[in-house]
C-alpha atoms as a PDB file:
ATOM      1  CA  MET A   1     148.043  82.454  85.252  1.00  0.00           C
ATOM      2  CA  GLN A   2     145.279  80.973  86.873  1.00  0.00           C
ATOM      3  CA  THR A   3     141.814  82.697  87.050  1.00  0.00           C
ATOM      4  CA  VAL A   4     138.453  82.657  89.120  1.00  0.00           C
ATOM      5  CA  LEU A   5     135.141  84.582  88.244  1.00  0.00           C
ATOM      6  CA  HIS A   6     132.743  84.966  90.886  1.00  0.00           C
ATOM      7  CA  THR A   7     130.051  87.160  89.071  1.00  0.00           C
ATOM      8  CA  ALA A   8     127.679  89.412  91.538  1.00  0.00           C
ATOM      9  CA  ASP A   9     124.949  87.531  90.933  1.00  0.00           C
ATOM     10  CA  SER A  10     126.483  84.390  91.773  1.00  0.00           C
ATOM     11  CA  ARG A  11     126.878  85.343  95.398  1.00  0.00           C
ATOM     12  CA  GLY A  12     124.997  84.024  98.569  1.00  0.00           C
ATOM     13  CA  HIS A  13     122.480  86.573  99.824  1.00  0.00           C
ATOM     14  CA  ALA A  14     120.589  87.037 103.136  1.00  0.00           C
ATOM     15  CA  ASN A  15     118.266  90.072 103.810  1.00  0.00           C
ATOM     16  CA  HIS A  16     117.586  89.908 107.591  1.00  0.00           C
ATOM     17  CA  GLY A  17     115.818  93.265 107.334  1.00  0.00           C
ATOM     18  CA  TRP A  18     117.961  95.798 109.371  1.00  0.00           C
ATOM     19  CA  LEU A  19     121.260  93.621 107.285  1.00  0.00           C
ATOM     20  CA  ASN A  20     121.012  93.046 103.601  1.00  0.00           C
ATOM     21  CA  SER A  21     124.422  90.988 103.215  1.00  0.00           C
ATOM     22  CA  TYR A  22     125.813  89.526  99.830  1.00  0.00           C
ATOM     23  CA  HIS A  23     128.766  86.523 100.442  1.00  0.00           C
ATOM     24  CA  THR A  24     131.171  85.887  98.083  1.00  0.00           C
ATOM     25  CA  PHE A  25     132.302  82.994 100.167  1.00  0.00           C
ATOM     26  CA  SER A  26     130.499  80.603 102.237  1.00  0.00           C
ATOM     27  CA  PHE A  27     129.117  82.289 105.361  1.00  0.00           C
ATOM     28  CA  ALA A  28     126.362  81.792 107.887  1.00  0.00           C
ATOM     29  CA  GLY A  29     123.344  80.147 106.040  1.00  0.00           C
ATOM     30  CA  TYR A  30     125.303  80.033 102.580  1.00  0.00           C
ATOM     31  CA  SER A  31     127.132  76.871 102.091  1.00  0.00           C
ATOM     32  CA  ASN A  32     129.011  76.371  99.055  1.00  0.00           C
ATOM     33  CA  PRO A  33     131.944  73.667  98.717  1.00  0.00           C
ATOM     34  CA  GLU A  34     133.342  75.271  95.686  1.00  0.00           C
ATOM     35  CA  ARG A  35     133.368  78.793  97.251  1.00  0.00           C
ATOM     36  CA  MET A  36     134.804  78.399 100.791  1.00  0.00           C
ATOM     37  CA  HIS A  37     137.977  80.950 100.240  1.00  0.00           C
ATOM     38  CA  PHE A  38     140.398  82.133  98.020  1.00  0.00           C
ATOM     39  CA  GLY A  39     143.997  81.269  99.426  1.00  0.00           C
ATOM     40  CA  VAL A  40     143.661  82.566 102.834  1.00  0.00           C
ATOM     41  CA  LEU A  41     140.908  85.298 102.446  1.00  0.00           C
ATOM     42  CA  ARG A  42     138.342  83.244 104.061  1.00  0.00           C
ATOM     43  CA  VAL A  43     135.239  85.859 104.278  1.00  0.00           C
ATOM     44  CA  LEU A  44     134.383  88.874 101.995  1.00  0.00           C
ATOM     45  CA  ASN A  45     130.887  90.217 102.697  1.00  0.00           C
ATOM     46  CA  ASP A  46     129.074  93.212 101.245  1.00  0.00           C
ATOM     47  CA  ASP A  47     127.111  94.484 103.786  1.00  0.00           C
ATOM     48  CA  THR A  48     124.123  97.274 104.239  1.00  0.00           C
ATOM     49  CA  VAL A  49     122.960  98.020 107.481  1.00  0.00           C
ATOM     50  CA  ALA A  50     119.655 100.068 108.509  1.00  0.00           C
ATOM     51  CA  GLY A  51     120.052 103.152 110.553  1.00  0.00           C
ATOM     52  CA  GLY A  52     120.588 102.443 114.088  1.00  0.00           C
ATOM     53  CA  LYS A  53     121.067  98.961 113.717  1.00  0.00           C
ATOM     54  CA  GLY A  54     124.114  96.513 114.056  1.00  0.00           C
ATOM     55  CA  PHE A  55     125.745  93.469 115.371  1.00  0.00           C
ATOM     56  CA  GLY A  56     125.776  93.173 119.060  1.00  0.00           C
ATOM     57  CA  ALA A  57     128.753  91.801 120.861  1.00  0.00           C
ATOM     58  CA  HIS A  58     130.545  88.563 119.663  1.00  0.00           C
ATOM     59  CA  PRO A  59     133.723  86.911 120.067  1.00  0.00           C
ATOM     60  CA  HIS A  60     136.345  86.078 117.647  1.00  0.00           C
ATOM     61  CA  ASP A  61     139.584  84.387 117.905  1.00  0.00           C
ATOM     62  CA  ASN A  62     142.671  83.691 115.386  1.00  0.00           C
ATOM     63  CA  MET A  63     141.136  85.824 112.380  1.00  0.00           C
ATOM     64  CA  GLU A  64     142.511  88.786 111.180  1.00  0.00           C
ATOM     65  CA  ILE A  65     139.076  91.122 110.434  1.00  0.00           C
ATOM     66  CA  ILE A  66     139.209  94.144 107.913  1.00  0.00           C
ATOM     67  CA  SER A  67     136.214  96.580 107.775  1.00  0.00           C
ATOM     68  CA  ILE A  68     136.195  98.967 104.719  1.00  0.00           C
ATOM     69  CA  PRO A  69     132.795 101.393 104.598  1.00  0.00           C
ATOM     70  CA  LEU A  70     131.775 102.407 101.267  1.00  0.00           C
ATOM     71  CA  SER A  71     129.152 104.921 102.564  1.00  0.00           C
ATOM     72  CA  GLY A  72     128.070 105.851 105.888  1.00  0.00           C
ATOM     73  CA  THR A  73     129.629 105.456 109.216  1.00  0.00           C
ATOM     74  CA  LEU A  74     130.349 102.505 111.393  1.00  0.00           C
ATOM     75  CA  GLU A  75     131.063 102.336 115.272  1.00  0.00           C
ATOM     76  CA  HIS A  76     133.220  99.768 116.552  1.00  0.00           C
ATOM     77  CA  LYS A  77     133.530  98.717 120.117  1.00  0.00           C
ATOM     78  CA  ASP A  78     135.409  95.588 121.912  1.00  0.00           C
ATOM     79  CA  ASN A  79     135.883  94.376 125.549  1.00  0.00           C
ATOM     80  CA  ALA A  80     139.936  95.483 125.119  1.00  0.00           C
ATOM     81  CA  GLY A  81     138.395  99.295 125.373  1.00  0.00           C
ATOM     82  CA  ASN A  82     138.825 100.136 121.890  1.00  0.00           C
ATOM     83  CA  HIS A  83     136.096 102.682 120.605  1.00  0.00           C
ATOM     84  CA  GLY A  84     136.197 104.119 116.985  1.00  0.00           C
ATOM     85  CA  ILE A  85     133.965 105.367 114.235  1.00  0.00           C
ATOM     86  CA  ILE A  86     135.074 104.761 110.872  1.00  0.00           C
ATOM     87  CA  GLY A  87     133.641 106.441 107.059  1.00  0.00           C
ATOM     88  CA  SER A  88     134.300 105.921 103.815  1.00  0.00           C
ATOM     89  CA  SER A  89     137.798 107.307 103.751  1.00  0.00           C
ATOM     90  CA  ASP A  90     138.590 104.686 106.454  1.00  0.00           C
ATOM     91  CA  VAL A  91     140.016 101.096 106.824  1.00  0.00           C
ATOM     92  CA  GLN A  92     139.762  99.388 109.900  1.00  0.00           C
ATOM     93  CA  VAL A  93     141.832  96.225 111.093  1.00  0.00           C
ATOM     94  CA  MET A  94     141.474  93.999 113.920  1.00  0.00           C
ATOM     95  CA  SER A  95     143.306  90.647 114.929  1.00  0.00           C
ATOM     96  CA  ALA A  96     141.417  88.567 117.282  1.00  0.00           C
ATOM     97  CA  GLY A  97     144.193  86.483 118.024  1.00  0.00           C
ATOM     98  CA  THR A  98     143.613  84.807 121.280  1.00  0.00           C
ATOM     99  CA  GLY A  99     140.128  86.174 121.679  1.00  0.00           C
ATOM    100  CA  ILE A 100     137.995  89.433 121.745  1.00  0.00           C
ATOM    101  CA  ALA A 101     134.548  90.419 121.703  1.00  0.00           C
ATOM    102  CA  HIS A 102     133.278  93.129 119.806  1.00  0.00           C
ATOM    103  CA  SER A 103     130.215  94.588 118.122  1.00  0.00           C
ATOM    104  CA  GLU A 104     130.110  96.649 115.055  1.00  0.00           C
ATOM    105  CA  LYS A 105     126.870  99.200 114.622  1.00  0.00           C
ATOM    106  CA  ASN A 106     125.739 101.862 112.097  1.00  0.00           C
ATOM    107  CA  HIS A 107     126.707 105.182 113.816  1.00  0.00           C
ATOM    108  CA  SER A 108     123.795 107.012 112.369  1.00  0.00           C
ATOM    109  CA  SER A 109     120.266 106.384 113.450  1.00  0.00           C
ATOM    110  CA  SER A 110     118.872 107.097 110.046  1.00  0.00           C
ATOM    111  CA  GLU A 111     121.189 106.725 107.273  1.00  0.00           C
ATOM    112  CA  PRO A 112     122.418 103.026 105.966  1.00  0.00           C
ATOM    113  CA  VAL A 113     126.035 102.455 106.455  1.00  0.00           C
ATOM    114  CA  LYS A 114     127.259  99.845 103.303  1.00  0.00           C
ATOM    115  CA  PHE A 115     130.685  98.286 104.107  1.00  0.00           C
ATOM    116  CA  LEU A 116     132.806  95.355 103.388  1.00  0.00           C
ATOM    117  CA  GLN A 117     133.630  92.697 106.055  1.00  0.00           C
ATOM    118  CA  ILE A 118     136.866  90.875 105.396  1.00  0.00           C
ATOM    119  CA  TRP A 119     138.270  87.937 107.231  1.00  0.00           C
ATOM    120  CA  VAL A 120     141.990  86.762 106.656  1.00  0.00           C
ATOM    121  CA  PHE A 121     143.389  83.497 108.158  1.00  0.00           C
ATOM    122  CA  PRO A 122     146.415  84.960 110.307  1.00  0.00           C
ATOM    123  CA  ASN A 123     150.043  83.204 109.784  1.00  0.00           C
ATOM    124  CA  LYS A 124     150.547  83.224 113.640  1.00  0.00           C
ATOM    125  CA  ARG A 125     147.710  81.677 116.014  1.00  0.00           C
ATOM    126  CA  ASN A 126     147.281  83.005 119.442  1.00  0.00           C
ATOM    127  CA  VAL A 127     148.764  86.761 119.268  1.00  0.00           C
ATOM    128  CA  THR A 128     147.598  89.496 121.389  1.00  0.00           C
ATOM    129  CA  PRO A 129     144.419  91.012 120.189  1.00  0.00           C
ATOM    130  CA  ARG A 130     144.791  94.377 118.515  1.00  0.00           C
ATOM    131  CA  TYR A 131     142.592  96.983 117.057  1.00  0.00           C
ATOM    132  CA  ASP A 132     143.637 100.022 114.324  1.00  0.00           C
ATOM    133  CA  GLN A 133     142.285 102.093 111.759  1.00  0.00           C
ATOM    134  CA  GLN A 134     143.586 104.627 109.219  1.00  0.00           C
ATOM    135  CA  THR A 135     142.219 107.603 106.943  1.00  0.00           C
ATOM    136  CA  PHE A 136     143.018 107.538 103.723  1.00  0.00           C
ATOM    137  CA  ARG A 137     143.233 109.979 100.686  1.00  0.00           C
ATOM    138  CA  ALA A 138     140.943 109.661  97.937  1.00  0.00           C
ATOM    139  CA  ALA A 139     143.337 111.582  95.766  1.00  0.00           C
ATOM    140  CA  ASP A 140     146.093 109.080  96.383  1.00  0.00           C
ATOM    141  CA  ARG A 141     144.274 106.152  94.457  1.00  0.00           C
ATOM    142  CA  HIS A 142     143.286 108.044  91.682  1.00  0.00           C
ATOM    143  CA  ASN A 143     144.694 106.321  88.375  1.00  0.00           C
ATOM    144  CA  GLN A 144     147.004 104.212  90.755  1.00  0.00           C
ATOM    145  CA  PHE A 145     147.117 101.637  93.043  1.00  0.00           C
ATOM    146  CA  GLN A 146     146.803 102.642  97.338  1.00  0.00           C
ATOM    147  CA  GLN A 147     148.326 100.931  99.288  1.00  0.00           C
ATOM    148  CA  VAL A 148     145.853 100.431 102.405  1.00  0.00           C
ATOM    149  CA  LEU A 149     147.199  97.167 104.064  1.00  0.00           C
ATOM    150  CA  SER A 150     150.364  95.187 104.453  1.00  0.00           C
ATOM    151  CA  PRO A 151     152.151  92.657 106.591  1.00  0.00           C
ATOM    152  CA  SER A 152     154.074  95.710 108.201  1.00  0.00           C
ATOM    153  CA  PRO A 153     153.419  98.220 110.958  1.00  0.00           C
ATOM    154  CA  ASP A 154     156.378 100.004 109.155  1.00  0.00           C
ATOM    155  CA  ASP A 155     154.810  99.736 105.663  1.00  0.00           C
ATOM    156  CA  ALA A 156     151.907 102.078 104.126  1.00  0.00           C
ATOM    157  CA  GLY A 157     148.357 101.369 105.452  1.00  0.00           C
ATOM    158  CA  VAL A 158     147.236  99.121 108.513  1.00  0.00           C
ATOM    159  CA  TRP A 159     148.573  95.798 108.982  1.00  0.00           C
ATOM    160  CA  ILE A 160     147.692  92.397 109.767  1.00  0.00           C
ATOM    161  CA  HIS A 161     149.333  88.959 110.586  1.00  0.00           C
ATOM    162  CA  GLN A 162     149.728  87.917 107.314  1.00  0.00           C
ATOM    163  CA  ASP A 163     151.689  88.128 104.010  1.00  0.00           C
ATOM    164  CA  ALA A 164     148.888  90.235 102.542  1.00  0.00           C
ATOM    165  CA  TRP A 165     148.718  93.855 100.948  1.00  0.00           C
ATOM    166  CA  PHE A 166     145.241  95.449  99.826  1.00  0.00           C
ATOM    167  CA  HIS A 167     145.037  98.450  97.468  1.00  0.00           C
ATOM    168  CA  LEU A 168     142.405 100.574  96.506  1.00  0.00           C
ATOM    169  CA  ALA A 169     142.292 102.160  92.782  1.00  0.00           C
ATOM    170  CA  ASP A 170     139.851 104.727  91.109  1.00  0.00           C
ATOM    171  CA  PHE A 171     140.481 104.240  87.672  1.00  0.00           C
ATOM    172  CA  ASP A 172     139.428 106.853  84.763  1.00  0.00           C
ATOM    173  CA  ALA A 173     137.534 105.339  81.921  1.00  0.00           C
ATOM    174  CA  GLY A 174     140.378 104.075  79.427  1.00  0.00           C
ATOM    175  CA  PHE A 175     143.124 104.464  82.146  1.00  0.00           C
ATOM    176  CA  ALA A 176     145.076 101.081  82.410  1.00  0.00           C
ATOM    177  CA  ALA A 177     148.010  99.756  84.910  1.00  0.00           C
ATOM    178  CA  ASP A 178     149.780  96.555  85.354  1.00  0.00           C
ATOM    179  CA  TYR A 179     149.414  95.208  89.168  1.00  0.00           C
ATOM    180  CA  GLN A 180     152.844  93.545  90.104  1.00  0.00           C
ATOM    181  CA  VAL A 181     152.404  90.768  92.734  1.00  0.00           C
ATOM    182  CA  LYS A 182     154.196  91.696  96.176  1.00  0.00           C
ATOM    183  CA  LYS A 183     155.324  88.007  96.974  1.00  0.00           C
ATOM    184  CA  ALA A 184     155.818  85.111  94.921  1.00  0.00           C
ATOM    185  CA  GLY A 185     153.133  82.385  95.313  1.00  0.00           C
ATOM    186  CA  ASN A 186     150.298  84.977  96.296  1.00  0.00           C
ATOM    187  CA  GLY A 187     147.236  85.470  94.824  1.00  0.00           C
ATOM    188  CA  VAL A 188     145.231  88.407  94.169  1.00  0.00           C
ATOM    189  CA  TYR A 189     141.324  88.573  94.484  1.00  0.00           C
ATOM    190  CA  VAL A 190     140.095  92.165  92.571  1.00  0.00           C
ATOM    191  CA  PHE A 191     136.358  93.169  93.671  1.00  0.00           C
ATOM    192  CA  VAL A 192     134.835  95.529  91.419  1.00  0.00           C
ATOM    193  CA  LEU A 193     133.341  98.218  93.941  1.00  0.00           C
ATOM    194  CA  GLU A 194     131.958 100.436  91.102  1.00  0.00           C
ATOM    195  CA  GLY A 195     132.279 100.525  87.237  1.00  0.00           C
ATOM    196  CA  GLU A 196     133.414  98.421  84.642  1.00  0.00           C
ATOM    197  CA  VAL A 197     137.022  96.922  84.321  1.00  0.00           C
ATOM    198  CA  THR A 198     139.050  93.889  82.481  1.00  0.00           C
ATOM    199  CA  VAL A 199     141.474  92.160  84.450  1.00  0.00           C
ATOM    200  CA  ALA A 200     143.747  89.729  82.967  1.00  0.00           C
ATOM    201  CA  GLY A 201     141.398  89.793  79.901  1.00  0.00           C
ATOM    202  CA  GLN A 202     138.291  89.067  81.857  1.00  0.00           C
ATOM    203  CA  PRO A 203     135.614  91.880  81.689  1.00  0.00           C
ATOM    204  CA  LEU A 204     134.000  92.454  85.207  1.00  0.00           C
ATOM    205  CA  LYS A 205     131.083  94.951  85.875  1.00  0.00           C
ATOM    206  CA  GLN A 206     130.229  96.072  89.738  1.00  0.00           C
ATOM    207  CA  ARG A 207     130.507  93.949  92.575  1.00  0.00           C
ATOM    208  CA  ASP A 208     131.968  90.899  90.470  1.00  0.00           C
ATOM    209  CA  GLY A 209     135.095  89.423  91.791  1.00  0.00           C
ATOM    210  CA  LEU A 210     138.104  87.523  89.906  1.00  0.00           C
ATOM    211  CA  GLY A 211     140.877  85.624  91.454  1.00  0.00           C
ATOM    212  CA  VAL A 212     144.255  85.521  89.638  1.00  0.00           C
ATOM    213  CA  TRP A 213     147.245  83.457  90.815  1.00  0.00           C
ATOM    214  CA  GLU A 214     150.398  81.859  89.415  1.00  0.00           C
ATOM    215  CA  THR A 215     151.528  85.300  87.886  1.00  0.00           C
ATOM    216  CA  GLY A 216     153.719  88.146  88.646  1.00  0.00           C
ATOM    217  CA  SER A 217     151.547  90.613  87.194  1.00  0.00           C
ATOM    218  CA  PHE A 218     148.521  91.181  85.568  1.00  0.00           C
ATOM    219  CA  SER A 219     146.267  93.901  83.594  1.00  0.00           C
ATOM    220  CA  VAL A 220     143.747  96.029  84.766  1.00  0.00           C
ATOM    221  CA  GLN A 221     142.108  98.346  82.104  1.00  0.00           C
ATOM    222  CA  ALA A 222     138.885 100.539  83.013  1.00  0.00           C
ATOM    223  CA  SER A 223     136.200 100.635  80.508  1.00  0.00           C
ATOM    224  CA  ALA A 224     134.223 103.003  82.458  1.00  0.00           C
ATOM    225  CA  ASN A 225     134.880 105.301  85.320  1.00  0.00           C
ATOM    226  CA  ALA A 226     136.054 102.515  88.109  1.00  0.00           C
ATOM    227  CA  ARG A 227     136.716 101.937  91.663  1.00  0.00           C
ATOM    228  CA  LEU A 228     138.655  98.619  92.900  1.00  0.00           C
ATOM    229  CA  LEU A 229     139.861  96.734  95.637  1.00  0.00           C
ATOM    230  CA  LEU A 230     142.465  94.204  95.400  1.00  0.00           C
ATOM    231  CA  MET A 231     143.644  91.752  97.869  1.00  0.00           C
ATOM    232  CA  GLU A 232     146.745  89.954  97.565  1.00  0.00           C
ATOM    233  CA  VAL A 233     147.160  86.975  99.821  1.00  0.00           C
ATOM    234  CA  PRO A 234     149.122  83.676  99.928  1.00  0.00           C
ATOM    235  CA  MET A 235     146.984  80.756  98.288  1.00  0.00           C
ATOM    236  CA  SER A 236     148.457  78.022 100.614  1.00  0.00           C
ATOM    237  CA  LEU A 237     146.617  77.761 103.926  1.00  0.00           C
END
């Protein structure tokens, strides 16, 4: 088993006033050659956007982009005619493919929205752009791994063009479970949204991240009430 630890205070940081963003991997003005990606996981941004503000229309191509609100509401629009509003029970995905322009804005004029912006390299290039969002029950991740993303439209959660699986989990203090890797050769990046856990023997606190690979399973134990996001991805680009 191999691991890499990224503590919360080691992340890149940019505060633009309307946007306060922490970067686990190199992004925009934060450039760290040792923090470029974890396998095909390219971007993990922890963003807070002020009320009434947001990212204006801008283009992407050949990237799978996932948005997970943690609090507040996020509004999506794109030039393919998609329009959606997502909150803390939702997960949004956009396959940029051959090219798409989109905006992501705080749907509230007064309350901030906190969300994760995640980019994953696709396993197919120049696909037709697509957008989707789904709502998930919090009860279905209580002391278990709730699948919210997979490679298949026939499986639980949203899907992307990559052999990746994302899970959310809300663990009570003292609860423990083993995560089973879905596909040989994949690694898992565990991001602590709240609380404290020990993953593969490594203690983690809020907003710490741990990458785990070259193993078929690993242990996750909550030392305090905790909420986690586990992102299983191929390690080869």
